[in-house]
Amino acid sequence: MGALAVIIGRAGSKGVPGKNMRPVAGRPCAAWTIEAALAEPGISRVLVSSDDPTLLALAASLGAEPVERPAALAGDAASVDDAVRHAVRSADGRGHSPVVILYANVPVRPAGLAGRALATLAAAGCDSVQSFAPVGKHHPWWTCVVGESDGRVRAFDGGALFHGVYRRQALPAAHVPDGGVIAVSRPALELRIPGAPEGPHRFLGVDRRGVLTGEGQVIDIDSEIDLLVADAVLRTRAAPPGRAVGGVPR
């Protein structure tokens, strides 16, 4: 049996209203994630969990299995893992295959990213695998606090300002979760890993691994600008070599 994929997408979004169904490169945003999951060889079933009837209808039309999410799991305070557990239990109870968690509002991710996460999960025998991107110029060593009253600048961590580094190339490697994929074992998802720290990320277990993506390879829609960037990226990918995109020769 392959992995079970759960794509999650709430109807409500304050930053970008209706973002899961907003058009991106001529298609609903969520369609890109649904089709990527359906095309992944390591995934045998694709569920789409939402309280949005239009998203559930889209899922069914593309060949995924819609799972209606109850209102209690669709508010601002609802957790990712609660929604995923509800979808998994609705579909197959307490199975044993790993679960791939994907966000409906991430239309751009590298091909095969879910497969890489699943391969790492299997090879390492770990609890979870998450995709991470380099932080780039938004490095923690360059994070500062600017005083609201006097404008004074100090290092966020209380150390030397900028850690004495002024060239990006001299910064040590640092990565942030990019929203591209999360693969988890069933025991981790079901909170059965002894010693897993309490809190919203308990479902990731104790042994947490990562797969790396390149800067900008995953685009998570959190603002109107993100929609524009994702649209441009996907249209560029689809355009034949040499064809102009948006009026700009390639």
Protein backbone atom coordinates (compact mmCIF):
# COMPACT_ATOMS: atom_id res chain seq x y z
CA MET A 1 0.00 0.00 0.00
CA GLY A 2 1.23 3.46 -0.83
CA ALA A 3 0.89 6.52 1.36
CA LEU A 4 -2.36 8.28 2.10
CA ALA A 5 -2.29 11.96 1.14
CA VAL A 6 -4.46 14.50 2.93
CA ILE A 7 -4.81 17.93 1.32
CA ILE A 8 -6.19 20.49 3.73
CA GLY A 9 -7.86 23.78 2.87
CA ARG A 10 -10.26 25.83 4.98
CA ALA A 11 -12.86 28.09 3.42
CA GLY A 12 -11.95 30.98 5.68
CA SER A 13 -8.80 33.07 5.12
CA LYS A 14 -8.31 36.60 6.37
CA GLY A 15 -5.12 37.33 4.43
CA VAL A 16 -6.33 36.15 1.03
CA PRO A 17 -10.08 35.41 1.05
CA GLY A 18 -10.98 32.24 -0.83
CA LYS A 19 -7.32 31.61 -1.64
CA ASN A 20 -7.71 27.88 -2.26
CA MET A 21 -10.04 28.55 -5.18
CA ARG A 22 -8.42 31.73 -6.50
CA PRO A 23 -7.19 31.39 -10.10
CA VAL A 24 -3.48 30.70 -10.52
CA ALA A 25 -2.22 30.32 -14.10
CA GLY A 26 -5.79 29.81 -15.26
CA ARG A 27 -6.77 27.14 -12.72
CA PRO A 28 -8.02 27.08 -9.13
CA CYS A 29 -5.09 27.29 -6.74
CA ALA A 30 -5.89 23.95 -5.07
CA ALA A 31 -5.99 22.10 -8.39
CA TRP A 32 -2.20 22.25 -8.64
CA THR A 33 -1.74 20.47 -5.32
CA ILE A 34 -4.47 17.89 -5.98
CA GLU A 35 -3.02 16.90 -9.34
CA ALA A 36 0.53 16.78 -7.96
CA ALA A 37 -0.63 14.37 -5.25
CA LEU A 38 -2.55 12.20 -7.73
CA ALA A 39 0.56 11.99 -9.93
CA GLU A 40 2.92 10.92 -7.13
CA PRO A 41 3.72 7.19 -7.51
CA GLY A 42 4.22 6.73 -3.75
CA ILE A 43 0.69 7.93 -2.96
CA SER A 44 -2.21 5.50 -3.35
CA ARG A 45 -5.13 7.64 -2.12
CA VAL A 46 -5.71 11.39 -2.09
CA LEU A 47 -8.17 12.95 0.35
CA VAL A 48 -9.17 16.61 0.35
CA SER A 49 -10.40 17.92 3.71
CA SER A 50 -12.36 21.16 3.66
CA ASP A 51 -15.45 22.99 4.83
CA ASP A 52 -15.63 24.68 1.42
CA PRO A 53 -18.19 22.99 -0.90
CA THR A 54 -16.50 24.40 -4.00
CA LEU A 55 -13.15 22.91 -3.04
CA LEU A 56 -14.75 19.55 -2.26
CA ALA A 57 -16.47 19.61 -5.65
CA LEU A 58 -13.17 20.42 -7.35
CA ALA A 59 -11.51 17.50 -5.54
CA ALA A 60 -14.17 15.07 -6.73
CA SER A 61 -13.96 16.35 -10.31
CA LEU A 62 -10.20 15.75 -10.39
CA GLY A 63 -10.38 12.24 -8.96
CA ALA A 64 -9.58 12.87 -5.30
CA GLU A 65 -11.80 11.88 -2.37
CA PRO A 66 -13.58 14.80 -0.69
CA VAL A 67 -13.89 14.76 3.10
CA GLU A 68 -16.29 17.30 4.60
CA ARG A 69 -14.62 18.91 7.59
CA PRO A 70 -16.82 19.73 10.59
CA ALA A 71 -17.08 23.37 11.67
CA ALA A 72 -15.23 22.61 14.91
CA LEU A 73 -12.13 21.79 12.86
CA ALA A 74 -12.44 24.67 10.40
CA GLY A 75 -11.98 27.77 12.55
CA ASP A 76 -8.91 29.96 13.03
CA ALA A 77 -7.88 27.95 16.10
CA ALA A 78 -8.18 24.54 14.43
CA SER A 79 -4.92 22.60 14.27
CA VAL A 80 -3.47 20.94 11.19
CA ASP A 81 -3.14 17.54 12.81
CA ASP A 82 -6.72 17.51 14.16
CA ALA A 83 -8.03 18.11 10.64
CA VAL A 84 -5.74 15.46 9.18
CA ARG A 85 -6.65 12.86 11.81
CA HIS A 86 -10.34 13.48 11.14
CA ALA A 87 -9.83 12.92 7.40
CA VAL A 88 -7.73 9.79 7.91
CA ARG A 89 -10.17 8.22 10.35
CA SER A 90 -13.07 9.05 8.05
CA ALA A 91 -11.29 7.25 5.23
CA ASP A 92 -9.65 4.17 6.69
CA GLY A 93 -9.73 4.18 10.46
CA ARG A 94 -6.39 3.19 11.97
CA GLY A 95 -4.34 2.05 8.99
CA HIS A 96 -0.58 1.64 8.94
CA SER A 97 0.59 3.46 5.81
CA PRO A 98 2.31 6.84 6.21
CA VAL A 99 0.38 10.06 5.69
CA VAL A 100 1.43 12.91 3.42
CA ILE A 101 0.08 16.30 4.46
CA LEU A 102 -0.24 18.93 1.73
CA TYR A 103 -1.66 22.44 1.84
CA ALA A 104 -4.21 23.40 -0.80
CA ASN A 105 -2.80 26.93 -0.94
CA VAL A 106 0.66 25.85 -2.19
CA PRO A 107 0.35 25.69 -5.98
CA VAL A 108 4.10 25.68 -6.62
CA ARG A 109 6.39 22.92 -5.34
CA PRO A 110 9.13 20.85 -6.99
CA ALA A 111 7.98 17.73 -8.82
CA GLY A 112 8.49 14.62 -6.73
CA LEU A 113 8.82 16.49 -3.42
CA ALA A 114 6.31 14.21 -1.67
CA GLY A 115 8.17 11.18 -2.99
CA ARG A 116 11.44 12.47 -1.57
CA ALA A 117 9.84 12.99 1.82
CA LEU A 118 8.35 9.48 1.79
CA ALA A 119 11.66 7.94 0.77
CA THR A 120 13.41 9.70 3.65
CA LEU A 121 10.69 8.61 6.07
CA ALA A 122 11.11 4.98 5.01
CA ALA A 123 14.91 4.97 4.88
CA ALA A 124 15.40 6.72 8.22
CA GLY A 125 12.53 5.03 10.04
CA CYS A 126 11.84 8.42 11.58
CA ASP A 127 8.62 9.96 12.83
CA SER A 128 8.23 12.77 10.30
CA VAL A 129 9.84 14.50 7.34
CA GLN A 130 9.18 18.12 6.45
CA SER A 131 10.43 20.25 3.57
CA PHE A 132 12.67 23.20 4.37
CA ALA A 133 13.97 26.10 2.30
CA PRO A 134 17.04 28.28 2.89
CA VAL A 135 16.15 31.52 4.65
CA GLY A 136 18.20 33.59 2.22
CA LYS A 137 18.66 37.21 3.20
CA HIS A 138 16.10 36.90 6.02
CA HIS A 139 18.65 35.13 8.17
CA PRO A 140 18.22 35.01 11.98
CA TRP A 141 21.65 36.58 12.44
CA TRP A 142 20.35 39.66 10.62
CA THR A 143 17.15 39.90 12.64
CA CYS A 144 16.90 43.11 14.66
CA VAL A 145 14.49 44.98 16.87
CA VAL A 146 13.89 48.68 16.18
CA GLY A 147 12.68 50.63 19.20
CA GLU A 148 9.21 52.07 18.68
CA SER A 149 9.90 55.21 20.71
CA ASP A 150 13.54 56.01 19.98
CA GLY A 151 14.35 54.02 16.82
CA ARG A 152 17.34 52.34 18.44
CA VAL A 153 18.45 49.14 16.72
CA ARG A 154 19.51 46.05 18.67
CA ALA A 155 20.08 42.42 17.82
CA PHE A 156 16.98 40.30 18.34
CA ASP A 157 18.90 37.69 20.34
CA GLY A 158 20.82 40.25 22.38
CA GLY A 159 24.17 39.45 20.78
CA ALA A 160 26.34 41.52 18.46
CA LEU A 161 24.39 43.40 15.82
CA PHE A 162 24.27 41.24 12.66
CA HIS A 163 26.69 38.87 14.45
CA GLY A 164 29.40 40.92 12.77
CA VAL A 165 28.48 39.50 9.34
CA TYR A 166 27.68 41.85 6.48
CA ARG A 167 27.98 39.50 3.48
CA ARG A 168 25.18 37.04 2.76
CA GLN A 169 27.71 34.48 1.57
CA ALA A 170 29.31 34.43 5.03
CA LEU A 171 26.11 33.47 6.86
CA PRO A 172 25.85 29.90 8.19
CA ALA A 173 23.19 27.66 6.68
CA ALA A 174 19.71 28.15 8.15
CA HIS A 175 16.38 26.80 6.93
CA VAL A 176 12.68 27.35 7.54
CA PRO A 177 9.66 25.09 6.90
CA ASP A 178 8.32 26.08 3.49
CA GLY A 179 4.93 24.35 3.46
CA GLY A 180 5.82 22.09 0.55
CA VAL A 181 5.16 18.75 2.24
CA ILE A 182 4.97 16.93 5.57
CA ALA A 183 5.17 13.14 5.70
CA VAL A 184 4.37 11.46 9.01
CA SER A 185 4.17 7.94 10.35
CA ARG A 186 0.81 6.78 11.71
CA PRO A 187 2.09 6.52 15.31
CA ALA A 188 3.34 10.12 15.12
CA LEU A 189 0.10 11.43 13.64
CA GLU A 190 -1.91 9.60 16.27
CA LEU A 191 0.27 11.08 19.04
CA ARG A 192 1.60 7.69 20.09
CA ILE A 193 5.34 8.54 20.09
CA PRO A 194 6.72 8.45 23.65
CA GLY A 195 8.56 11.61 24.59
CA ALA A 196 7.13 13.77 21.80
CA PRO A 197 7.04 17.35 23.13
CA GLU A 198 3.66 18.79 23.99
CA GLY A 199 2.32 21.56 21.80
CA PRO A 200 1.01 22.09 18.28
CA HIS A 201 3.85 20.13 16.67
CA ARG A 202 3.56 17.01 18.78
CA PHE A 203 2.27 15.11 15.75
CA LEU A 204 5.75 15.40 14.20
CA GLY A 205 7.08 13.04 16.85
CA VAL A 206 10.62 12.95 18.25
CA ASP A 207 12.81 11.95 15.30
CA ARG A 208 12.13 14.73 12.83
CA ARG A 209 13.96 14.90 9.51
CA GLY A 210 13.95 17.32 6.61
CA VAL A 211 14.29 17.45 2.84
CA LEU A 212 15.62 20.62 1.27
CA THR A 213 14.13 22.73 -1.50
CA GLY A 214 15.75 25.63 -3.29
CA GLU A 215 14.98 29.22 -2.45
CA GLY A 216 11.63 30.11 -4.06
CA GLN A 217 10.85 26.56 -5.26
CA VAL A 218 7.81 26.39 -2.98
CA ILE A 219 5.26 29.21 -3.03
CA ASP A 220 2.79 29.30 -0.15
CA ILE A 221 -0.10 31.69 -0.83
CA ASP A 222 -0.35 34.03 2.15
CA SER A 223 -0.71 37.36 0.33
CA GLU A 224 -1.92 38.82 -2.94
CA ILE A 225 1.72 39.17 -4.03
CA ASP A 226 2.21 35.43 -3.56
CA LEU A 227 -0.65 34.84 -6.01
CA LEU A 228 1.01 37.03 -8.62
CA VAL A 229 4.37 35.30 -8.20
CA ALA A 230 2.87 31.80 -8.35
CA ASP A 231 0.87 32.74 -11.44
CA ALA A 232 4.00 34.01 -13.19
CA VAL A 233 6.06 30.94 -12.24
CA LEU A 234 3.48 28.45 -13.44
CA ARG A 235 2.78 30.31 -16.67
CA THR A 236 6.50 30.43 -17.38
CA ARG A 237 6.82 26.68 -16.83
CA ALA A 238 3.95 26.00 -19.22
CA ALA A 239 5.17 28.28 -22.00
CA PRO A 240 7.09 26.66 -24.88
CA PRO A 241 10.81 27.57 -25.11
CA GLY A 242 11.30 31.01 -26.55
CA ARG A 243 7.64 31.98 -26.18
CA ALA A 244 6.92 35.32 -24.55
CA VAL A 245 5.28 35.21 -21.13
CA GLY A 246 3.32 38.24 -20.06
CA GLY A 247 4.68 40.15 -23.01
CA VAL A 248 8.31 39.67 -21.93
CA PRO A 249 10.53 37.63 -24.31
CA ARG A 250 12.19 34.67 -22.65
